Amino acid sequence: MQEDRTFENKFAPPVRSEKKIGNTTFTVNSFFLEQTKDGVVSKIERLIKDDVRKKAATI
């Protein structure tokens, strides 16, 4: 019988970030899978590098 995985046990607890700009407060909840081959830092580094490559290709 296949195990029924719920939202709560697939993801680590969310990381909540808040940023206030003027009179508006932005709240961002980030969800990450508990069992991944990449950590959060390596994912963010990869996203930044990909963005830099895309911008360099358009210049």
PDB file of N, CA and C in Angstrom:
ATOM      1  N   MET A   1       0.845  -1.181   0.000  1.00  0.00           N
ATOM      2  CA  MET A   1       0.000   0.000   0.000  1.00  0.00           C
ATOM      3  C   MET A   1       0.892   1.246   0.000  1.00  0.00           C
ATOM      4  N   GLN A   2       0.591   2.170  -0.871  1.00  0.00           N
ATOM      5  CA  GLN A   2       1.393   3.379  -0.987  1.00  0.00           C
ATOM      6  C   GLN A   2       1.077   4.352   0.148  1.00  0.00           C
ATOM      7  N   GLU A   3       2.134   4.923   0.697  1.00  0.00           N
ATOM      8  CA  GLU A   3       1.965   5.862   1.803  1.00  0.00           C
ATOM      9  C   GLU A   3       1.360   7.164   1.292  1.00  0.00           C
ATOM     10  N   ASP A   4       0.339   7.663   1.967  1.00  0.00           N
ATOM     11  CA  ASP A   4      -0.300   8.920   1.605  1.00  0.00           C
ATOM     12  C   ASP A   4       0.461  10.057   2.273  1.00  0.00           C
ATOM     13  N   ARG A   5       1.208  10.831   1.469  1.00  0.00           N
ATOM     14  CA  ARG A   5       1.999  11.929   2.013  1.00  0.00           C
ATOM     15  C   ARG A   5       1.193  13.206   1.947  1.00  0.00           C
ATOM     16  N   THR A   6       1.097  13.876   3.063  1.00  0.00           N
ATOM     17  CA  THR A   6       0.356  15.127   3.121  1.00  0.00           C
ATOM     18  C   THR A   6       1.302  16.299   2.962  1.00  0.00           C
ATOM     19  N   PHE A   7       0.728  17.467   2.786  1.00  0.00           N
ATOM     20  CA  PHE A   7       1.494  18.697   2.620  1.00  0.00           C
ATOM     21  C   PHE A   7       2.446  18.902   3.797  1.00  0.00           C
ATOM     22  N   GLU A   8       1.996  18.617   5.001  1.00  0.00           N
ATOM     23  CA  GLU A   8       2.785  18.885   6.190  1.00  0.00           C
ATOM     24  C   GLU A   8       4.057  18.055   6.241  1.00  0.00           C
ATOM     25  N   ASN A   9       4.022  16.809   5.779  1.00  0.00           N
ATOM     26  CA  ASN A   9       5.225  16.007   5.913  1.00  0.00           C
ATOM     27  C   ASN A   9       6.086  15.994   4.651  1.00  0.00           C
ATOM     28  N   LYS A  10       5.692  16.669   3.601  1.00  0.00           N
ATOM     29  CA  LYS A  10       6.528  16.790   2.410  1.00  0.00           C
ATOM     30  C   LYS A  10       7.473  17.978   2.519  1.00  0.00           C
ATOM     31  N   PHE A  11       7.011  19.036   3.150  1.00  0.00           N
ATOM     32  CA  PHE A  11       7.751  20.282   3.175  1.00  0.00           C
ATOM     33  C   PHE A  11       8.241  20.609   4.578  1.00  0.00           C
ATOM     34  N   ALA A  12       9.405  21.236   4.638  1.00  0.00           N
ATOM     35  CA  ALA A  12       9.909  21.766   5.902  1.00  0.00           C
ATOM     36  C   ALA A  12       9.022  22.936   6.301  1.00  0.00           C
ATOM     37  N   PRO A  13       9.053  23.329   7.558  1.00  0.00           N
ATOM     38  CA  PRO A  13       8.247  24.488   7.960  1.00  0.00           C
ATOM     39  C   PRO A  13       8.599  25.701   7.095  1.00  0.00           C
ATOM     40  N   PRO A  14       7.605  26.498   6.737  1.00  0.00           N
ATOM     41  CA  PRO A  14       7.870  27.625   5.836  1.00  0.00           C
ATOM     42  C   PRO A  14       8.766  28.678   6.482  1.00  0.00           C
ATOM     43  N   VAL A  15       9.527  29.336   5.633  1.00  0.00           N
ATOM     44  CA  VAL A  15      10.344  30.462   6.058  1.00  0.00           C
ATOM     45  C   VAL A  15       9.562  31.712   5.685  1.00  0.00           C
ATOM     46  N   ARG A  16       9.282  32.549   6.658  1.00  0.00           N
ATOM     47  CA  ARG A  16       8.486  33.755   6.413  1.00  0.00           C
ATOM     48  C   ARG A  16       9.400  34.972   6.445  1.00  0.00           C
ATOM     49  N   SER A  17       9.310  35.774   5.408  1.00  0.00           N
ATOM     50  CA  SER A  17      10.067  37.024   5.325  1.00  0.00           C
ATOM     51  C   SER A  17       9.089  38.168   5.167  1.00  0.00           C
ATOM     52  N   GLU A  18       9.356  39.255   5.856  1.00  0.00           N
ATOM     53  CA  GLU A  18       8.517  40.447   5.721  1.00  0.00           C
ATOM     54  C   GLU A  18       9.397  41.633   5.371  1.00  0.00           C
ATOM     55  N   LYS A  19       8.915  42.457   4.466  1.00  0.00           N
ATOM     56  CA  LYS A  19       9.630  43.660   4.031  1.00  0.00           C
ATOM     57  C   LYS A  19       8.621  44.775   3.912  1.00  0.00           C
ATOM     58  N   LYS A  20       8.884  45.884   4.568  1.00  0.00           N
ATOM     59  CA  LYS A  20       7.984  47.030   4.503  1.00  0.00           C
ATOM     60  C   LYS A  20       8.571  48.055   3.550  1.00  0.00           C
ATOM     61  N   ILE A  21       7.776  48.446   2.572  1.00  0.00           N
ATOM     62  CA  ILE A  21       8.150  49.474   1.612  1.00  0.00           C
ATOM     63  C   ILE A  21       7.039  50.513   1.646  1.00  0.00           C
ATOM     64  N   GLY A  22       7.377  51.700   2.134  1.00  0.00           N
ATOM     65  CA  GLY A  22       6.348  52.726   2.291  1.00  0.00           C
ATOM     66  C   GLY A  22       5.320  52.269   3.303  1.00  0.00           C
ATOM     67  N   ASN A  23       4.056  52.337   2.926  1.00  0.00           N
ATOM     68  CA  ASN A  23       2.968  51.907   3.816  1.00  0.00           C
ATOM     69  C   ASN A  23       2.532  50.469   3.569  1.00  0.00           C
ATOM     70  N   THR A  24       3.272  49.746   2.736  1.00  0.00           N
ATOM     71  CA  THR A  24       2.888  48.380   2.382  1.00  0.00           C
ATOM     72  C   THR A  24       3.892  47.393   2.973  1.00  0.00           C
ATOM     73  N   THR A  25       3.377  46.366   3.630  1.00  0.00           N
ATOM     74  CA  THR A  25       4.221  45.294   4.149  1.00  0.00           C
ATOM     75  C   THR A  25       4.018  44.062   3.279  1.00  0.00           C
ATOM     76  N   PHE A  26       5.108  43.566   2.702  1.00  0.00           N
ATOM     77  CA  PHE A  26       5.076  42.373   1.863  1.00  0.00           C
ATOM     78  C   PHE A  26       5.502  41.181   2.709  1.00  0.00           C
ATOM     79  N   THR A  27       4.707  40.125   2.688  1.00  0.00           N
ATOM     80  CA  THR A  27       5.017  38.898   3.408  1.00  0.00           C
ATOM     81  C   THR A  27       5.183  37.780   2.394  1.00  0.00           C
ATOM     82  N   VAL A  28       6.327  37.095   2.472  1.00  0.00           N
ATOM     83  CA  VAL A  28       6.617  35.998   1.550  1.00  0.00           C
ATOM     84  C   VAL A  28       6.857  34.740   2.367  1.00  0.00           C
ATOM     85  N   ASN A  29       6.130  33.682   2.040  1.00  0.00           N
ATOM     86  CA  ASN A  29       6.342  32.376   2.660  1.00  0.00           C
ATOM     87  C   ASN A  29       7.061  31.490   1.654  1.00  0.00           C
ATOM     88  N   SER A  30       8.201  30.936   2.068  1.00  0.00           N
ATOM     89  CA  SER A  30       8.985  30.061   1.195  1.00  0.00           C
ATOM     90  C   SER A  30       8.875  28.632   1.703  1.00  0.00           C
ATOM     91  N   PHE A  31       8.557  27.714   0.811  1.00  0.00           N
ATOM     92  CA  PHE A  31       8.425  26.310   1.156  1.00  0.00           C
ATOM     93  C   PHE A  31       9.498  25.517   0.423  1.00  0.00           C
ATOM     94  N   PHE A  32      10.145  24.613   1.129  1.00  0.00           N
ATOM     95  CA  PHE A  32      11.178  23.785   0.542  1.00  0.00           C
ATOM     96  C   PHE A  32      10.916  22.336   0.904  1.00  0.00           C
ATOM     97  N   LEU A  33      11.153  21.452  -0.047  1.00  0.00           N
ATOM     98  CA  LEU A  33      11.020  20.024   0.242  1.00  0.00           C
ATOM     99  C   LEU A  33      12.056  19.627   1.282  1.00  0.00           C
ATOM    100  N   GLU A  34      11.671  18.756   2.199  1.00  0.00           N
ATOM    101  CA  GLU A  34      12.608  18.322   3.227  1.00  0.00           C
ATOM    102  C   GLU A  34      13.735  17.488   2.644  1.00  0.00           C
ATOM    103  N   GLN A  35      13.415  16.631   1.707  1.00  0.00           N
ATOM    104  CA  GLN A  35      14.431  15.744   1.134  1.00  0.00           C
ATOM    105  C   GLN A  35      14.738  16.192  -0.291  1.00  0.00           C
ATOM    106  N   THR A  36      15.768  16.992  -0.422  1.00  0.00           N
ATOM    107  CA  THR A  36      16.200  17.455  -1.737  1.00  0.00           C
ATOM    108  C   THR A  36      17.687  17.218  -1.877  1.00  0.00           C
ATOM    109  N   LYS A  37      18.143  17.152  -3.113  1.00  0.00           N
ATOM    110  CA  LYS A  37      19.577  16.980  -3.310  1.00  0.00           C
ATOM    111  C   LYS A  37      20.308  18.318  -3.246  1.00  0.00           C
ATOM    112  N   ASP A  38      19.594  19.428  -3.410  1.00  0.00           N
ATOM    113  CA  ASP A  38      20.175  20.761  -3.303  1.00  0.00           C
ATOM    114  C   ASP A  38      19.686  21.428  -2.030  1.00  0.00           C
ATOM    115  N   GLY A  39      20.571  22.157  -1.399  1.00  0.00           N
ATOM    116  CA  GLY A  39      20.166  22.938  -0.242  1.00  0.00           C
ATOM    117  C   GLY A  39      19.623  24.285  -0.703  1.00  0.00           C
ATOM    118  N   VAL A  40      19.089  25.047   0.219  1.00  0.00           N
ATOM    119  CA  VAL A  40      18.502  26.345  -0.094  1.00  0.00           C
ATOM    120  C   VAL A  40      19.570  27.279  -0.672  1.00  0.00           C
ATOM    121  N   VAL A  41      20.736  27.288  -0.060  1.00  0.00           N
ATOM    122  CA  VAL A  41      21.798  28.193  -0.512  1.00  0.00           C
ATOM    123  C   VAL A  41      22.208  27.868  -1.937  1.00  0.00           C
ATOM    124  N   SER A  42      22.396  26.586  -2.253  1.00  0.00           N
ATOM    125  CA  SER A  42      22.820  26.222  -3.605  1.00  0.00           C
ATOM    126  C   SER A  42      21.733  26.526  -4.630  1.00  0.00           C
ATOM    127  N   LYS A  43      20.462  26.414  -4.244  1.00  0.00           N
ATOM    128  CA  LYS A  43      19.378  26.763  -5.164  1.00  0.00           C
ATOM    129  C   LYS A  43      19.391  28.255  -5.471  1.00  0.00           C
ATOM    130  N   ILE A  44      19.563  29.069  -4.429  1.00  0.00           N
ATOM    131  CA  ILE A  44      19.587  30.517  -4.634  1.00  0.00           C
ATOM    132  C   ILE A  44      20.795  30.916  -5.480  1.00  0.00           C
ATOM    133  N   GLU A  45      21.950  30.315  -5.206  1.00  0.00           N
ATOM    134  CA  GLU A  45      23.143  30.593  -6.021  1.00  0.00           C
ATOM    135  C   GLU A  45      22.893  30.238  -7.483  1.00  0.00           C
ATOM    136  N   ARG A  46      22.277  29.091  -7.716  1.00  0.00           N
ATOM    137  CA  ARG A  46      21.993  28.665  -9.089  1.00  0.00           C
ATOM    138  C   ARG A  46      21.052  29.646  -9.778  1.00  0.00           C
ATOM    139  N   LEU A  47      20.019  30.102  -9.073  1.00  0.00           N
ATOM    140  CA  LEU A  47      19.086  31.068  -9.653  1.00  0.00           C
ATOM    141  C   LEU A  47      19.779  32.381 -10.006  1.00  0.00           C
ATOM    142  N   ILE A  48      20.649  32.852  -9.125  1.00  0.00           N
ATOM    143  CA  ILE A  48      21.379  34.093  -9.394  1.00  0.00           C
ATOM    144  C   ILE A  48      22.302  33.919 -10.596  1.00  0.00           C
ATOM    145  N   LYS A  49      23.043  32.818 -10.632  1.00  0.00           N
ATOM    146  CA  LYS A  49      23.948  32.565 -11.757  1.00  0.00           C
ATOM    147  C   LYS A  49      23.190  32.463 -13.077  1.00  0.00           C
ATOM    148  N   ASP A  50      22.046  31.769 -13.062  1.00  0.00           N
ATOM    149  CA  ASP A  50      21.230  31.661 -14.277  1.00  0.00           C
ATOM    150  C   ASP A  50      20.753  33.037 -14.741  1.00  0.00           C
ATOM    151  N   ASP A  51      20.357  33.881 -13.791  1.00  0.00           N
ATOM    152  CA  ASP A  51      19.885  35.225 -14.126  1.00  0.00           C
ATOM    153  C   ASP A  51      21.011  36.060 -14.723  1.00  0.00           C
ATOM    154  N   VAL A  52      22.213  35.953 -14.160  1.00  0.00           N
ATOM    155  CA  VAL A  52      23.368  36.695 -14.677  1.00  0.00           C
ATOM    156  C   VAL A  52      23.692  36.230 -16.095  1.00  0.00           C
ATOM    157  N   ARG A  53      23.655  34.928 -16.318  1.00  0.00           N
ATOM    158  CA  ARG A  53      23.938  34.395 -17.670  1.00  0.00           C
ATOM    159  C   ARG A  53      22.932  34.906 -18.684  1.00  0.00           C
ATOM    160  N   LYS A  54      21.646  34.930 -18.311  1.00  0.00           N
ATOM    161  CA  LYS A  54      20.606  35.411 -19.219  1.00  0.00           C
ATOM    162  C   LYS A  54      20.818  36.877 -19.547  1.00  0.00           C
ATOM    163  N   LYS A  55      21.159  37.691 -18.552  1.00  0.00           N
ATOM    164  CA  LYS A  55      21.386  39.118 -18.794  1.00  0.00           C
ATOM    165  C   LYS A  55      22.637  39.333 -19.640  1.00  0.00           C
ATOM    166  N   ALA A  56      23.683  38.527 -19.413  1.00  0.00           N
ATOM    167  CA  ALA A  56      24.909  38.652 -20.200  1.00  0.00           C
ATOM    168  C   ALA A  56      24.670  38.263 -21.649  1.00  0.00           C
ATOM    169  N   ALA A  57      23.791  37.312 -21.895  1.00  0.00           N
ATOM    170  CA  ALA A  57      23.500  36.854 -23.251  1.00  0.00           C
ATOM    171  C   ALA A  57      22.721  37.883 -24.041  1.00  0.00           C
ATOM    172  N   THR A  58      21.979  38.756 -23.363  1.00  0.00           N
ATOM    173  CA  THR A  58      21.169  39.750 -24.058  1.00  0.00           C
ATOM    174  C   THR A  58      21.942  41.029 -24.342  1.00  0.00           C
ATOM    175  N   ILE A  59      23.123  41.163 -23.757  1.00  0.00           N
ATOM    176  CA  ILE A  59      23.934  42.392 -23.974  1.00  0.00           C
ATOM    177  C   ILE A  59      24.700  42.305 -25.265  1.00  0.00           C
TER     178      ILE A  59
END
